[in-house]
Amino acid sequence: MKIKEKEFESILQDLKDIALQMGAKVRFERGDFKGGYCILKENKVIVINKLSNLQRKVIILSAALKELGAEDIYLPPKIREVIEEMDETE
């Protein structure tokens, strides 16, 4: 699947919405890290480096959602395809 650069913004928003539905908070922080899923004081948190480009943010968020169990819930086909494909590029 070929994703146009301007589509990454809406895909990122869709992925953030799914993360919230799954009970995880998405935080964009500055630092010397790539990002990923973690548990902080019993809260599910996905931390993403805010300095990363949009494609990298989508890759990190896709991998985190997969780790959270996104394959066990209903996802729109396009978003499911993005998650599967982005996880392969990691």
PDB file of N, CA and C in Angstrom:
ATOM      1  N   MET A   1       0.849  -1.183   0.000  1.00  0.00           N
ATOM      2  CA  MET A   1       0.000   0.000   0.000  1.00  0.00           C
ATOM      3  C   MET A   1       0.886   1.235   0.000  1.00  0.00           C
ATOM      4  N   LYS A   2       0.624   2.117  -0.909  1.00  0.00           N
ATOM      5  CA  LYS A   2       1.383   3.366  -1.006  1.00  0.00           C
ATOM      6  C   LYS A   2       0.591   4.461  -0.293  1.00  0.00           C
ATOM      7  N   ILE A   3       1.231   5.099   0.659  1.00  0.00           N
ATOM      8  CA  ILE A   3       0.576   6.179   1.410  1.00  0.00           C
ATOM      9  C   ILE A   3       1.191   7.499   0.996  1.00  0.00           C
ATOM     10  N   LYS A   4       0.331   8.424   0.635  1.00  0.00           N
ATOM     11  CA  LYS A   4       0.814   9.756   0.266  1.00  0.00           C
ATOM     12  C   LYS A   4       1.169  10.521   1.530  1.00  0.00           C
ATOM     13  N   GLU A   5       2.137  11.414   1.393  1.00  0.00           N
ATOM     14  CA  GLU A   5       2.632  12.175   2.544  1.00  0.00           C
ATOM     15  C   GLU A   5       1.504  12.910   3.273  1.00  0.00           C
ATOM     16  N   LYS A   6       0.579  13.480   2.522  1.00  0.00           N
ATOM     17  CA  LYS A   6      -0.498  14.253   3.161  1.00  0.00           C
ATOM     18  C   LYS A   6      -1.504  13.362   3.890  1.00  0.00           C
ATOM     19  N   GLU A   7      -1.505  12.055   3.618  1.00  0.00           N
ATOM     20  CA  GLU A   7      -2.411  11.132   4.297  1.00  0.00           C
ATOM     21  C   GLU A   7      -1.917  10.754   5.690  1.00  0.00           C
ATOM     22  N   PHE A   8      -0.629  10.892   5.940  1.00  0.00           N
ATOM     23  CA  PHE A   8      -0.069  10.471   7.220  1.00  0.00           C
ATOM     24  C   PHE A   8      -0.693  11.216   8.398  1.00  0.00           C
ATOM     25  N   GLU A   9      -1.038  12.482   8.215  1.00  0.00           N
ATOM     26  CA  GLU A   9      -1.631  13.264   9.306  1.00  0.00           C
ATOM     27  C   GLU A   9      -2.974  12.668   9.744  1.00  0.00           C
ATOM     28  N   SER A  10      -3.843  12.335   8.782  1.00  0.00           N
ATOM     29  CA  SER A  10      -5.146  11.764   9.145  1.00  0.00           C
ATOM     30  C   SER A  10      -4.987  10.344   9.684  1.00  0.00           C
ATOM     31  N   ILE A  11      -4.039   9.580   9.144  1.00  0.00           N
ATOM     32  CA  ILE A  11      -3.789   8.236   9.659  1.00  0.00           C
ATOM     33  C   ILE A  11      -3.290   8.308  11.099  1.00  0.00           C
ATOM     34  N   LEU A  12      -2.393   9.251  11.371  1.00  0.00           N
ATOM     35  CA  LEU A  12      -1.878   9.430  12.727  1.00  0.00           C
ATOM     36  C   LEU A  12      -3.017   9.744  13.696  1.00  0.00           C
ATOM     37  N   GLN A  13      -3.936  10.597  13.282  1.00  0.00           N
ATOM     38  CA  GLN A  13      -5.081  10.944  14.131  1.00  0.00           C
ATOM     39  C   GLN A  13      -5.968   9.717  14.372  1.00  0.00           C
ATOM     40  N   ASP A  14      -6.218   8.932  13.323  1.00  0.00           N
ATOM     41  CA  ASP A  14      -7.015   7.712  13.476  1.00  0.00           C
ATOM     42  C   ASP A  14      -6.351   6.747  14.447  1.00  0.00           C
ATOM     43  N   LEU A  15      -5.041   6.585  14.331  1.00  0.00           N
ATOM     44  CA  LEU A  15      -4.311   5.692  15.230  1.00  0.00           C
ATOM     45  C   LEU A  15      -4.354   6.192  16.670  1.00  0.00           C
ATOM     46  N   LYS A  16      -4.256   7.507  16.858  1.00  0.00           N
ATOM     47  CA  LYS A  16      -4.354   8.085  18.208  1.00  0.00           C
ATOM     48  C   LYS A  16      -5.731   7.810  18.798  1.00  0.00           C
ATOM     49  N   ASP A  17      -6.785   7.939  17.982  1.00  0.00           N
ATOM     50  CA  ASP A  17      -8.146   7.674  18.454  1.00  0.00           C
ATOM     51  C   ASP A  17      -8.303   6.213  18.878  1.00  0.00           C
ATOM     52  N   ILE A  18      -7.729   5.307  18.105  1.00  0.00           N
ATOM     53  CA  ILE A  18      -7.794   3.881  18.441  1.00  0.00           C
ATOM     54  C   ILE A  18      -7.057   3.613  19.747  1.00  0.00           C
ATOM     55  N   ALA A  19      -5.901   4.236  19.919  1.00  0.00           N
ATOM     56  CA  ALA A  19      -5.140   4.069  21.162  1.00  0.00           C
ATOM     57  C   ALA A  19      -5.974   4.510  22.360  1.00  0.00           C
ATOM     58  N   LEU A  20      -6.662   5.633  22.227  1.00  0.00           N
ATOM     59  CA  LEU A  20      -7.509   6.118  23.319  1.00  0.00           C
ATOM     60  C   LEU A  20      -8.640   5.137  23.610  1.00  0.00           C
ATOM     61  N   GLN A  21      -9.246   4.580  22.563  1.00  0.00           N
ATOM     62  CA  GLN A  21     -10.310   3.590  22.736  1.00  0.00           C
ATOM     63  C   GLN A  21      -9.796   2.347  23.451  1.00  0.00           C
ATOM     64  N   MET A  22      -8.530   2.045  23.265  1.00  0.00           N
ATOM     65  CA  MET A  22      -7.920   0.881  23.903  1.00  0.00           C
ATOM     66  C   MET A  22      -7.388   1.204  25.299  1.00  0.00           C
ATOM     67  N   GLY A  23      -7.610   2.427  25.753  1.00  0.00           N
ATOM     68  CA  GLY A  23      -7.220   2.804  27.106  1.00  0.00           C
ATOM     69  C   GLY A  23      -5.789   3.290  27.244  1.00  0.00           C
ATOM     70  N   ALA A  24      -5.168   3.650  26.136  1.00  0.00           N
ATOM     71  CA  ALA A  24      -3.779   4.132  26.193  1.00  0.00           C
ATOM     72  C   ALA A  24      -3.738   5.624  25.883  1.00  0.00           C
ATOM     73  N   LYS A  25      -2.899   6.314  26.600  1.00  0.00           N
ATOM     74  CA  LYS A  25      -2.692   7.739  26.354  1.00  0.00           C
ATOM     75  C   LYS A  25      -1.498   7.886  25.416  1.00  0.00           C
ATOM     76  N   VAL A  26      -1.626   8.766  24.423  1.00  0.00           N
ATOM     77  CA  VAL A  26      -0.534   9.007  23.480  1.00  0.00           C
ATOM     78  C   VAL A  26       0.100  10.345  23.830  1.00  0.00           C
ATOM     79  N   ARG A  27       1.413  10.322  24.049  1.00  0.00           N
ATOM     80  CA  ARG A  27       2.143  11.544  24.396  1.00  0.00           C
ATOM     81  C   ARG A  27       3.255  11.773  23.386  1.00  0.00           C
ATOM     82  N   PHE A  28       3.381  13.012  22.962  1.00  0.00           N
ATOM     83  CA  PHE A  28       4.469  13.407  22.074  1.00  0.00           C
ATOM     84  C   PHE A  28       5.433  14.234  22.903  1.00  0.00           C
ATOM     85  N   GLU A  29       6.620  13.696  23.091  1.00  0.00           N
ATOM     86  CA  GLU A  29       7.615  14.337  23.944  1.00  0.00           C
ATOM     87  C   GLU A  29       8.913  14.533  23.173  1.00  0.00           C
ATOM     88  N   ARG A  30       9.717  15.425  23.672  1.00  0.00           N
ATOM     89  CA  ARG A  30      11.020  15.705  23.079  1.00  0.00           C
ATOM     90  C   ARG A  30      12.088  14.944  23.858  1.00  0.00           C
ATOM     91  N   GLY A  31      13.036  14.349  23.146  1.00  0.00           N
ATOM     92  CA  GLY A  31      14.103  13.633  23.844  1.00  0.00           C
ATOM     93  C   GLY A  31      14.919  12.786  22.901  1.00  0.00           C
ATOM     94  N   ASP A  32      15.835  12.049  23.478  1.00  0.00           N
ATOM     95  CA  ASP A  32      16.741  11.197  22.719  1.00  0.00           C
ATOM     96  C   ASP A  32      16.216   9.759  22.746  1.00  0.00           C
ATOM     97  N   PHE A  33      15.083   9.519  22.092  1.00  0.00           N
ATOM     98  CA  PHE A  33      14.462   8.202  22.053  1.00  0.00           C
ATOM     99  C   PHE A  33      13.580   8.115  20.815  1.00  0.00           C
ATOM    100  N   LYS A  34      13.238   6.892  20.430  1.00  0.00           N
ATOM    101  CA  LYS A  34      12.339   6.695  19.293  1.00  0.00           C
ATOM    102  C   LYS A  34      10.886   6.717  19.752  1.00  0.00           C
ATOM    103  N   GLY A  35      10.601   5.962  20.803  1.00  0.00           N
ATOM    104  CA  GLY A  35       9.249   5.910  21.330  1.00  0.00           C
ATOM    105  C   GLY A  35       8.737   4.491  21.386  1.00  0.00           C
ATOM    106  N   GLY A  36       7.548   4.342  21.960  1.00  0.00           N
ATOM    107  CA  GLY A  36       6.930   3.034  22.056  1.00  0.00           C
ATOM    108  C   GLY A  36       5.920   2.989  23.184  1.00  0.00           C
ATOM    109  N   TYR A  37       5.455   1.777  23.454  1.00  0.00           N
ATOM    110  CA  TYR A  37       4.427   1.532  24.453  1.00  0.00           C
ATOM    111  C   TYR A  37       5.066   1.186  25.792  1.00  0.00           C
ATOM    112  N   CYS A  38       4.488   1.711  26.870  1.00  0.00           N
ATOM    113  CA  CYS A  38       4.955   1.353  28.201  1.00  0.00           C
ATOM    114  C   CYS A  38       3.806   1.494  29.194  1.00  0.00           C
ATOM    115  N   ILE A  39       4.017   1.002  30.397  1.00  0.00           N
ATOM    116  CA  ILE A  39       3.040   1.170  31.474  1.00  0.00           C
ATOM    117  C   ILE A  39       3.693   2.058  32.523  1.00  0.00           C
ATOM    118  N   LEU A  40       3.018   3.146  32.837  1.00  0.00           N
ATOM    119  CA  LEU A  40       3.546   4.128  33.784  1.00  0.00           C
ATOM    120  C   LEU A  40       2.538   4.274  34.914  1.00  0.00           C
ATOM    121  N   LYS A  41       2.893   3.799  36.092  1.00  0.00           N
ATOM    122  CA  LYS A  41       1.994   3.841  37.247  1.00  0.00           C
ATOM    123  C   LYS A  41       0.621   3.268  36.889  1.00  0.00           C
ATOM    124  N   GLU A  42       0.612   2.080  36.330  1.00  0.00           N
ATOM    125  CA  GLU A  42      -0.592   1.346  35.949  1.00  0.00           C
ATOM    126  C   GLU A  42      -1.369   1.964  34.789  1.00  0.00           C
ATOM    127  N   ASN A  43      -0.848   3.003  34.159  1.00  0.00           N
ATOM    128  CA  ASN A  43      -1.501   3.620  33.003  1.00  0.00           C
ATOM    129  C   ASN A  43      -0.774   3.203  31.730  1.00  0.00           C
ATOM    130  N   LYS A  44      -1.550   2.868  30.700  1.00  0.00           N
ATOM    131  CA  LYS A  44      -0.962   2.539  29.405  1.00  0.00           C
ATOM    132  C   LYS A  44      -0.582   3.845  28.709  1.00  0.00           C
ATOM    133  N   VAL A  45       0.671   3.946  28.301  1.00  0.00           N
ATOM    134  CA  VAL A  45       1.166   5.173  27.669  1.00  0.00           C
ATOM    135  C   VAL A  45       1.965   4.800  26.421  1.00  0.00           C
ATOM    136  N   ILE A  46       1.710   5.534  25.358  1.00  0.00           N
ATOM    137  CA  ILE A  46       2.518   5.409  24.145  1.00  0.00           C
ATOM    138  C   ILE A  46       3.240   6.734  23.992  1.00  0.00           C
ATOM    139  N   VAL A  47       4.551   6.691  24.057  1.00  0.00           N
ATOM    140  CA  VAL A  47       5.354   7.908  23.969  1.00  0.00           C
ATOM    141  C   VAL A  47       6.020   7.938  22.598  1.00  0.00           C
ATOM    142  N   ILE A  48       5.902   9.065  21.923  1.00  0.00           N
ATOM    143  CA  ILE A  48       6.461   9.239  20.587  1.00  0.00           C
ATOM    144  C   ILE A  48       7.304  10.506  20.586  1.00  0.00           C
ATOM    145  N   ASN A  49       8.474  10.418  19.988  1.00  0.00           N
ATOM    146  CA  ASN A  49       9.343  11.591  19.896  1.00  0.00           C
ATOM    147  C   ASN A  49       8.685  12.614  18.981  1.00  0.00           C
ATOM    148  N   LYS A  50       8.410  13.788  19.510  1.00  0.00           N
ATOM    149  CA  LYS A  50       7.709  14.812  18.730  1.00  0.00           C
ATOM    150  C   LYS A  50       8.552  15.362  17.584  1.00  0.00           C
ATOM    151  N   LEU A  51       9.866  15.109  17.614  1.00  0.00           N
ATOM    152  CA  LEU A  51      10.738  15.591  16.546  1.00  0.00           C
ATOM    153  C   LEU A  51      10.807  14.623  15.361  1.00  0.00           C
ATOM    154  N   SER A  52      10.210  13.437  15.509  1.00  0.00           N
ATOM    155  CA  SER A  52      10.197  12.460  14.413  1.00  0.00           C
ATOM    156  C   SER A  52       9.298  12.952  13.282  1.00  0.00           C
ATOM    157  N   ASN A  53       9.567  12.470  12.064  1.00  0.00           N
ATOM    158  CA  ASN A  53       8.691  12.837  10.956  1.00  0.00           C
ATOM    159  C   ASN A  53       7.374  12.059  11.064  1.00  0.00           C
ATOM    160  N   LEU A  54       6.388  12.463  10.272  1.00  0.00           N
ATOM    161  CA  LEU A  54       5.060  11.856  10.364  1.00  0.00           C
ATOM    162  C   LEU A  54       5.088  10.354  10.119  1.00  0.00           C
ATOM    163  N   GLN A  55       5.845   9.915   9.125  1.00  0.00           N
ATOM    164  CA  GLN A  55       5.889   8.487   8.826  1.00  0.00           C
ATOM    165  C   GLN A  55       6.446   7.707  10.014  1.00  0.00           C
ATOM    166  N   ARG A  56       7.482   8.213  10.641  1.00  0.00           N
ATOM    167  CA  ARG A  56       8.074   7.549  11.809  1.00  0.00           C
ATOM    168  C   ARG A  56       7.071   7.486  12.958  1.00  0.00           C
ATOM    169  N   LYS A  57       6.315   8.564  13.160  1.00  0.00           N
ATOM    170  CA  LYS A  57       5.299   8.582  14.220  1.00  0.00           C
ATOM    171  C   LYS A  57       4.250   7.511  13.967  1.00  0.00           C
ATOM    172  N   VAL A  58       3.825   7.367  12.705  1.00  0.00           N
ATOM    173  CA  VAL A  58       2.840   6.343  12.347  1.00  0.00           C
ATOM    174  C   VAL A  58       3.418   4.947  12.584  1.00  0.00           C
ATOM    175  N   ILE A  59       4.685   4.739  12.246  1.00  0.00           N
ATOM    176  CA  ILE A  59       5.335   3.442  12.453  1.00  0.00           C
ATOM    177  C   ILE A  59       5.378   3.091  13.943  1.00  0.00           C
ATOM    178  N   ILE A  60       5.794   4.041  14.773  1.00  0.00           N
ATOM    179  CA  ILE A  60       5.892   3.815  16.222  1.00  0.00           C
ATOM    180  C   ILE A  60       4.511   3.524  16.803  1.00  0.00           C
ATOM    181  N   LEU A  61       3.529   4.324  16.425  1.00  0.00           N
ATOM    182  CA  LEU A  61       2.175   4.148  16.956  1.00  0.00           C
ATOM    183  C   LEU A  61       1.564   2.833  16.476  1.00  0.00           C
ATOM    184  N   SER A  62       1.824   2.452  15.241  1.00  0.00           N
ATOM    185  CA  SER A  62       1.326   1.173  14.713  1.00  0.00           C
ATOM    186  C   SER A  62       1.900   0.000  15.500  1.00  0.00           C
ATOM    187  N   ALA A  63       3.200   0.040  15.745  1.00  0.00           N
ATOM    188  CA  ALA A  63       3.849  -1.038  16.501  1.00  0.00           C
ATOM    189  C   ALA A  63       3.297  -1.114  17.928  1.00  0.00           C
ATOM    190  N   ALA A  64       3.069   0.044  18.530  1.00  0.00           N
ATOM    191  CA  ALA A  64       2.537   0.079  19.899  1.00  0.00           C
ATOM    192  C   ALA A  64       1.116  -0.485  19.946  1.00  0.00           C
ATOM    193  N   LEU A  65       0.302  -0.144  18.951  1.00  0.00           N
ATOM    194  CA  LEU A  65      -1.065  -0.661  18.914  1.00  0.00           C
ATOM    195  C   LEU A  65      -1.076  -2.173  18.727  1.00  0.00           C
ATOM    196  N   LYS A  66      -0.165  -2.654  17.930  1.00  0.00           N
ATOM    197  CA  LYS A  66      -0.061  -4.098  17.741  1.00  0.00           C
ATOM    198  C   LYS A  66       0.309  -4.765  19.066  1.00  0.00           C
ATOM    199  N   GLU A  67       1.217  -4.142  19.799  1.00  0.00           N
ATOM    200  CA  GLU A  67       1.625  -4.662  21.105  1.00  0.00           C
ATOM    201  C   GLU A  67       0.464  -4.635  22.102  1.00  0.00           C
ATOM    202  N   LEU A  68      -0.403  -3.645  21.966  1.00  0.00           N
ATOM    203  CA  LEU A  68      -1.567  -3.522  22.843  1.00  0.00           C
ATOM    204  C   LEU A  68      -2.665  -4.527  22.500  1.00  0.00           C
ATOM    205  N   GLY A  69      -2.582  -5.157  21.332  1.00  0.00           N
ATOM    206  CA  GLY A  69      -3.596  -6.139  20.949  1.00  0.00           C
ATOM    207  C   GLY A  69      -4.617  -5.624  19.962  1.00  0.00           C
ATOM    208  N   ALA A  70      -4.221  -4.714  19.092  1.00  0.00           N
ATOM    209  CA  ALA A  70      -5.160  -4.137  18.120  1.00  0.00           C
ATOM    210  C   ALA A  70      -5.724  -5.188  17.173  1.00  0.00           C
ATOM    211  N   GLU A  71      -5.024  -6.318  17.008  1.00  0.00           N
ATOM    212  CA  GLU A  71      -5.538  -7.342  16.099  1.00  0.00           C
ATOM    213  C   GLU A  71      -6.781  -8.029  16.668  1.00  0.00           C
ATOM    214  N   ASP A  72      -7.064  -7.818  17.953  1.00  0.00           N
ATOM    215  CA  ASP A  72      -8.217  -8.446  18.599  1.00  0.00           C
ATOM    216  C   ASP A  72      -9.472  -7.586  18.578  1.00  0.00           C
ATOM    217  N   ILE A  73      -9.391  -6.382  18.021  1.00  0.00           N
ATOM    218  CA  ILE A  73     -10.562  -5.504  17.973  1.00  0.00           C
ATOM    219  C   ILE A  73     -10.886  -5.156  16.520  1.00  0.00           C
ATOM    220  N   TYR A  74     -12.103  -4.627  16.321  1.00  0.00           N
ATOM    221  CA  TYR A  74     -12.464  -4.210  14.960  1.00  0.00           C
ATOM    222  C   TYR A  74     -11.710  -2.935  14.612  1.00  0.00           C
ATOM    223  N   LEU A  75     -11.111  -2.933  13.441  1.00  0.00           N
ATOM    224  CA  LEU A  75     -10.455  -1.745  12.894  1.00  0.00           C
ATOM    225  C   LEU A  75     -10.915  -1.593  11.453  1.00  0.00           C
ATOM    226  N   PRO A  76     -11.089  -0.355  10.995  1.00  0.00           N
ATOM    227  CA  PRO A  76     -11.394  -0.181   9.569  1.00  0.00           C
ATOM    228  C   PRO A  76     -10.289  -0.850   8.740  1.00  0.00           C
ATOM    229  N   PRO A  77     -10.659  -1.486   7.626  1.00  0.00           N
ATOM    230  CA  PRO A  77      -9.675  -2.216   6.828  1.00  0.00           C
ATOM    231  C   PRO A  77      -8.426  -1.414   6.466  1.00  0.00           C
ATOM    232  N   LYS A  78      -8.599  -0.132   6.125  1.00  0.00           N
ATOM    233  CA  LYS A  78      -7.440   0.682   5.756  1.00  0.00           C
ATOM    234  C   LYS A  78      -6.476   0.832   6.935  1.00  0.00           C
ATOM    235  N   ILE A  79      -7.020   1.063   8.122  1.00  0.00           N
ATOM    236  CA  ILE A  79      -6.177   1.236   9.312  1.00  0.00           C
ATOM    237  C   ILE A  79      -5.495  -0.079   9.675  1.00  0.00           C
ATOM    238  N   ARG A  80      -6.222  -1.188   9.562  1.00  0.00           N
ATOM    239  CA  ARG A  80      -5.612  -2.490   9.838  1.00  0.00           C
ATOM    240  C   ARG A  80      -4.445  -2.744   8.881  1.00  0.00           C
ATOM    241  N   GLU A  81      -4.638  -2.389   7.611  1.00  0.00           N
ATOM    242  CA  GLU A  81      -3.580  -2.562   6.616  1.00  0.00           C
ATOM    243  C   GLU A  81      -2.371  -1.690   6.946  1.00  0.00           C
ATOM    244  N   VAL A  82      -2.627  -0.459   7.377  1.00  0.00           N
ATOM    245  CA  VAL A  82      -1.535   0.446   7.768  1.00  0.00           C
ATOM    246  C   VAL A  82      -0.752  -0.150   8.930  1.00  0.00           C
ATOM    247  N   ILE A  83      -1.455  -0.642   9.947  1.00  0.00           N
ATOM    248  CA  ILE A  83      -0.789  -1.205  11.122  1.00  0.00           C
ATOM    249  C   ILE A  83       0.071  -2.397  10.726  1.00  0.00           C
ATOM    250  N   GLU A  84      -0.488  -3.286   9.902  1.00  0.00           N
ATOM    251  CA  GLU A  84       0.266  -4.468   9.476  1.00  0.00           C
ATOM    252  C   GLU A  84       1.493  -4.070   8.653  1.00  0.00           C
ATOM    253  N   GLU A  85       1.293  -3.162   7.718  1.00  0.00           N
ATOM    254  CA  GLU A  85       2.384  -2.767   6.812  1.00  0.00           C
ATOM    255  C   GLU A  85       3.456  -1.963   7.533  1.00  0.00           C
ATOM    256  N   MET A  86       3.055  -1.036   8.393  1.00  0.00           N
ATOM    257  CA  MET A  86       4.031  -0.199   9.096  1.00  0.00           C
ATOM    258  C   MET A  86       4.860  -1.041  10.061  1.00  0.00           C
ATOM    259  N   ASP A  87       4.254  -2.037  10.650  1.00  0.00           N
ATOM    260  CA  ASP A  87       4.976  -2.893  11.578  1.00  0.00           C
ATOM    261  C   ASP A  87       6.064  -3.674  10.848  1.00  0.00           C
ATOM    262  N   GLU A  88       5.829  -4.011   9.593  1.00  0.00           N
ATOM    263  CA  GLU A  88       6.825  -4.731   8.795  1.00  0.00           C
ATOM    264  C   GLU A  88       8.016  -3.855   8.446  1.00  0.00           C
ATOM    265  N   THR A  89       7.818  -2.528   8.359  1.00  0.00           N
ATOM    266  CA  THR A  89       8.911  -1.637   7.984  1.00  0.00           C
ATOM    267  C   THR A  89       9.826  -1.292   9.147  1.00  0.00           C
ATOM    268  N   GLU A  90       9.404  -1.571  10.350  1.00  0.00           N
ATOM    269  CA  GLU A  90      10.170  -1.236  11.564  1.00  0.00           C
ATOM    270  C   GLU A  90      11.499  -1.923  11.558  1.00  0.00           C
TER     271      GLU A  90
END
